[in-house]
Amino acid sequence: MSLELFMNDVITVQQPRMKICTQCKTPKPATAEYFYCQASYRGGLISICKECKGVCVRSVLVTNLQLICGLAFSKIKSKVKRSDNTKNIIV
């Protein structure tokens, strides 16, 4: 059992498959650590990395919140009328 026999038993480490995020265009390992799982997608992973997906979801939430708040404010504003003595009266 010499060192030569040990050197012949080479341990191969497989590199993970890489997948390119369609949003940021950076290659990342095609694992559940970097991409969300979705059985209907090819390879079982969605095409946008978790980092970019989080940014997209946050921006949609902020936009929807602004729309909802804007609509609520406009409804409240339409219910407020001014009287002659410039006090707000809610009808």
C-alpha atoms as a PDB file:
ATOM      1  CA  MET A   1       0.000   0.000   0.000  1.00  0.00           C
ATOM      2  CA  SER A   2       2.190   2.695  -1.209  1.00  0.00           C
ATOM      3  CA  LEU A   3       1.443   6.267  -2.090  1.00  0.00           C
ATOM      4  CA  GLU A   4       1.331   5.286  -5.760  1.00  0.00           C
ATOM      5  CA  LEU A   5      -1.706   3.080  -5.207  1.00  0.00           C
ATOM      6  CA  PHE A   6      -3.454   5.878  -3.355  1.00  0.00           C
ATOM      7  CA  MET A   7      -2.723   8.346  -6.154  1.00  0.00           C
ATOM      8  CA  ASN A   8      -4.348   6.026  -8.695  1.00  0.00           C
ATOM      9  CA  ASP A   9      -7.653   6.150  -6.829  1.00  0.00           C
ATOM     10  CA  VAL A  10      -8.609   9.600  -8.018  1.00  0.00           C
ATOM     11  CA  ILE A  11     -11.684  11.114  -6.498  1.00  0.00           C
ATOM     12  CA  THR A  12     -13.645  13.020  -9.096  1.00  0.00           C
ATOM     13  CA  VAL A  13     -15.777  15.929  -8.016  1.00  0.00           C
ATOM     14  CA  GLN A  14     -18.575  16.741 -10.375  1.00  0.00           C
ATOM     15  CA  GLN A  15     -19.122  20.398 -10.991  1.00  0.00           C
ATOM     16  CA  PRO A  16     -22.753  21.485 -10.748  1.00  0.00           C
ATOM     17  CA  ARG A  17     -24.664  22.278 -13.912  1.00  0.00           C
ATOM     18  CA  MET A  18     -24.812  25.990 -14.598  1.00  0.00           C
ATOM     19  CA  LYS A  19     -27.916  27.958 -15.490  1.00  0.00           C
ATOM     20  CA  ILE A  20     -28.050  31.549 -16.722  1.00  0.00           C
ATOM     21  CA  CYS A  21     -30.556  33.858 -15.067  1.00  0.00           C
ATOM     22  CA  THR A  22     -32.723  35.506 -17.722  1.00  0.00           C
ATOM     23  CA  GLN A  23     -32.936  38.710 -15.696  1.00  0.00           C
ATOM     24  CA  CYS A  24     -29.348  39.463 -14.646  1.00  0.00           C
ATOM     25  CA  LYS A  25     -27.650  37.210 -17.266  1.00  0.00           C
ATOM     26  CA  THR A  26     -25.194  35.750 -14.749  1.00  0.00           C
ATOM     27  CA  PRO A  27     -24.425  32.015 -14.715  1.00  0.00           C
ATOM     28  CA  LYS A  28     -25.210  30.326 -11.419  1.00  0.00           C
ATOM     29  CA  PRO A  29     -25.281  26.688 -10.318  1.00  0.00           C
ATOM     30  CA  ALA A  30     -28.555  25.039 -11.295  1.00  0.00           C
ATOM     31  CA  THR A  31     -29.542  24.155  -7.747  1.00  0.00           C
ATOM     32  CA  ALA A  32     -32.432  24.964  -5.434  1.00  0.00           C
ATOM     33  CA  GLU A  33     -30.057  27.261  -3.557  1.00  0.00           C
ATOM     34  CA  TYR A  34     -30.003  29.744  -6.458  1.00  0.00           C
ATOM     35  CA  PHE A  35     -33.274  29.072  -8.354  1.00  0.00           C
ATOM     36  CA  TYR A  36     -36.812  28.331  -7.167  1.00  0.00           C
ATOM     37  CA  CYS A  37     -38.165  24.865  -7.983  1.00  0.00           C
ATOM     38  CA  GLN A  38     -41.062  24.545 -10.420  1.00  0.00           C
ATOM     39  CA  ALA A  39     -41.938  21.132 -11.821  1.00  0.00           C
ATOM     40  CA  SER A  40     -43.481  22.530 -15.015  1.00  0.00           C
ATOM     41  CA  TYR A  41     -40.213  24.247 -16.045  1.00  0.00           C
ATOM     42  CA  ARG A  42     -37.468  22.509 -17.978  1.00  0.00           C
ATOM     43  CA  GLY A  43     -34.984  21.097 -15.506  1.00  0.00           C
ATOM     44  CA  GLY A  44     -37.394  21.714 -12.622  1.00  0.00           C
ATOM     45  CA  LEU A  45     -36.092  25.231 -11.886  1.00  0.00           C
ATOM     46  CA  ILE A  46     -37.489  28.610 -12.912  1.00  0.00           C
ATOM     47  CA  SER A  47     -35.438  30.780 -15.256  1.00  0.00           C
ATOM     48  CA  ILE A  48     -34.954  33.754 -12.903  1.00  0.00           C
ATOM     49  CA  CYS A  49     -32.585  33.425  -9.930  1.00  0.00           C
ATOM     50  CA  LYS A  50     -33.889  33.900  -6.390  1.00  0.00           C
ATOM     51  CA  GLU A  51     -32.127  37.236  -6.042  1.00  0.00           C
ATOM     52  CA  CYS A  52     -33.759  38.748  -9.150  1.00  0.00           C
ATOM     53  CA  LYS A  53     -37.129  37.152  -8.371  1.00  0.00           C
ATOM     54  CA  GLY A  54     -37.108  38.848  -4.968  1.00  0.00           C
ATOM     55  CA  VAL A  55     -36.430  42.230  -6.584  1.00  0.00           C
ATOM     56  CA  CYS A  56     -39.269  41.672  -9.096  1.00  0.00           C
ATOM     57  CA  VAL A  57     -41.744  40.639  -6.406  1.00  0.00           C
ATOM     58  CA  ARG A  58     -40.844  43.605  -4.188  1.00  0.00           C
ATOM     59  CA  SER A  59     -41.252  46.073  -7.056  1.00  0.00           C
ATOM     60  CA  VAL A  60     -44.670  44.619  -7.948  1.00  0.00           C
ATOM     61  CA  LEU A  61     -45.754  44.813  -4.310  1.00  0.00           C
ATOM     62  CA  VAL A  62     -44.631  48.437  -4.038  1.00  0.00           C
ATOM     63  CA  THR A  63     -46.399  49.349  -7.288  1.00  0.00           C
ATOM     64  CA  ASN A  64     -49.613  47.635  -6.200  1.00  0.00           C
ATOM     65  CA  LEU A  65     -49.441  49.267  -2.781  1.00  0.00           C
ATOM     66  CA  GLN A  66     -49.014  52.682  -4.395  1.00  0.00           C
ATOM     67  CA  LEU A  67     -51.992  52.009  -6.675  1.00  0.00           C
ATOM     68  CA  ILE A  68     -54.151  50.810  -3.803  1.00  0.00           C
ATOM     69  CA  CYS A  69     -53.197  53.755  -1.603  1.00  0.00           C
ATOM     70  CA  GLY A  70     -53.707  56.156  -4.500  1.00  0.00           C
ATOM     71  CA  LEU A  71     -57.189  54.786  -5.206  1.00  0.00           C
ATOM     72  CA  ALA A  72     -58.108  54.880  -1.536  1.00  0.00           C
ATOM     73  CA  PHE A  73     -56.847  58.466  -1.264  1.00  0.00           C
ATOM     74  CA  SER A  74     -58.794  59.551  -4.355  1.00  0.00           C
ATOM     75  CA  LYS A  75     -62.006  57.989  -2.980  1.00  0.00           C
ATOM     76  CA  ILE A  76     -61.524  59.779   0.339  1.00  0.00           C
ATOM     77  CA  LYS A  77     -60.692  63.007  -1.449  1.00  0.00           C
ATOM     78  CA  SER A  78     -63.868  62.804  -3.566  1.00  0.00           C
ATOM     79  CA  LYS A  79     -65.985  62.431  -0.408  1.00  0.00           C
ATOM     80  CA  VAL A  80     -64.523  65.585   1.136  1.00  0.00           C
ATOM     81  CA  LYS A  81     -66.286  68.796   0.087  1.00  0.00           C
ATOM     82  CA  ARG A  82     -65.477  72.365   0.968  1.00  0.00           C
ATOM     83  CA  SER A  83     -68.109  74.559   2.528  1.00  0.00           C
ATOM     84  CA  ASP A  84     -68.217  78.343   2.452  1.00  0.00           C
ATOM     85  CA  ASN A  85     -66.181  78.733   5.649  1.00  0.00           C
ATOM     86  CA  THR A  86     -63.374  76.491   4.189  1.00  0.00           C
ATOM     87  CA  LYS A  87     -63.755  73.682   6.716  1.00  0.00           C
ATOM     88  CA  ASN A  88     -63.661  70.108   5.500  1.00  0.00           C
ATOM     89  CA  ILE A  89     -67.009  68.388   5.745  1.00  0.00           C
ATOM     90  CA  ILE A  90     -67.259  64.669   5.020  1.00  0.00           C
ATOM     91  CA  VAL A  91     -70.512  63.772   3.305  1.00  0.00           C
END
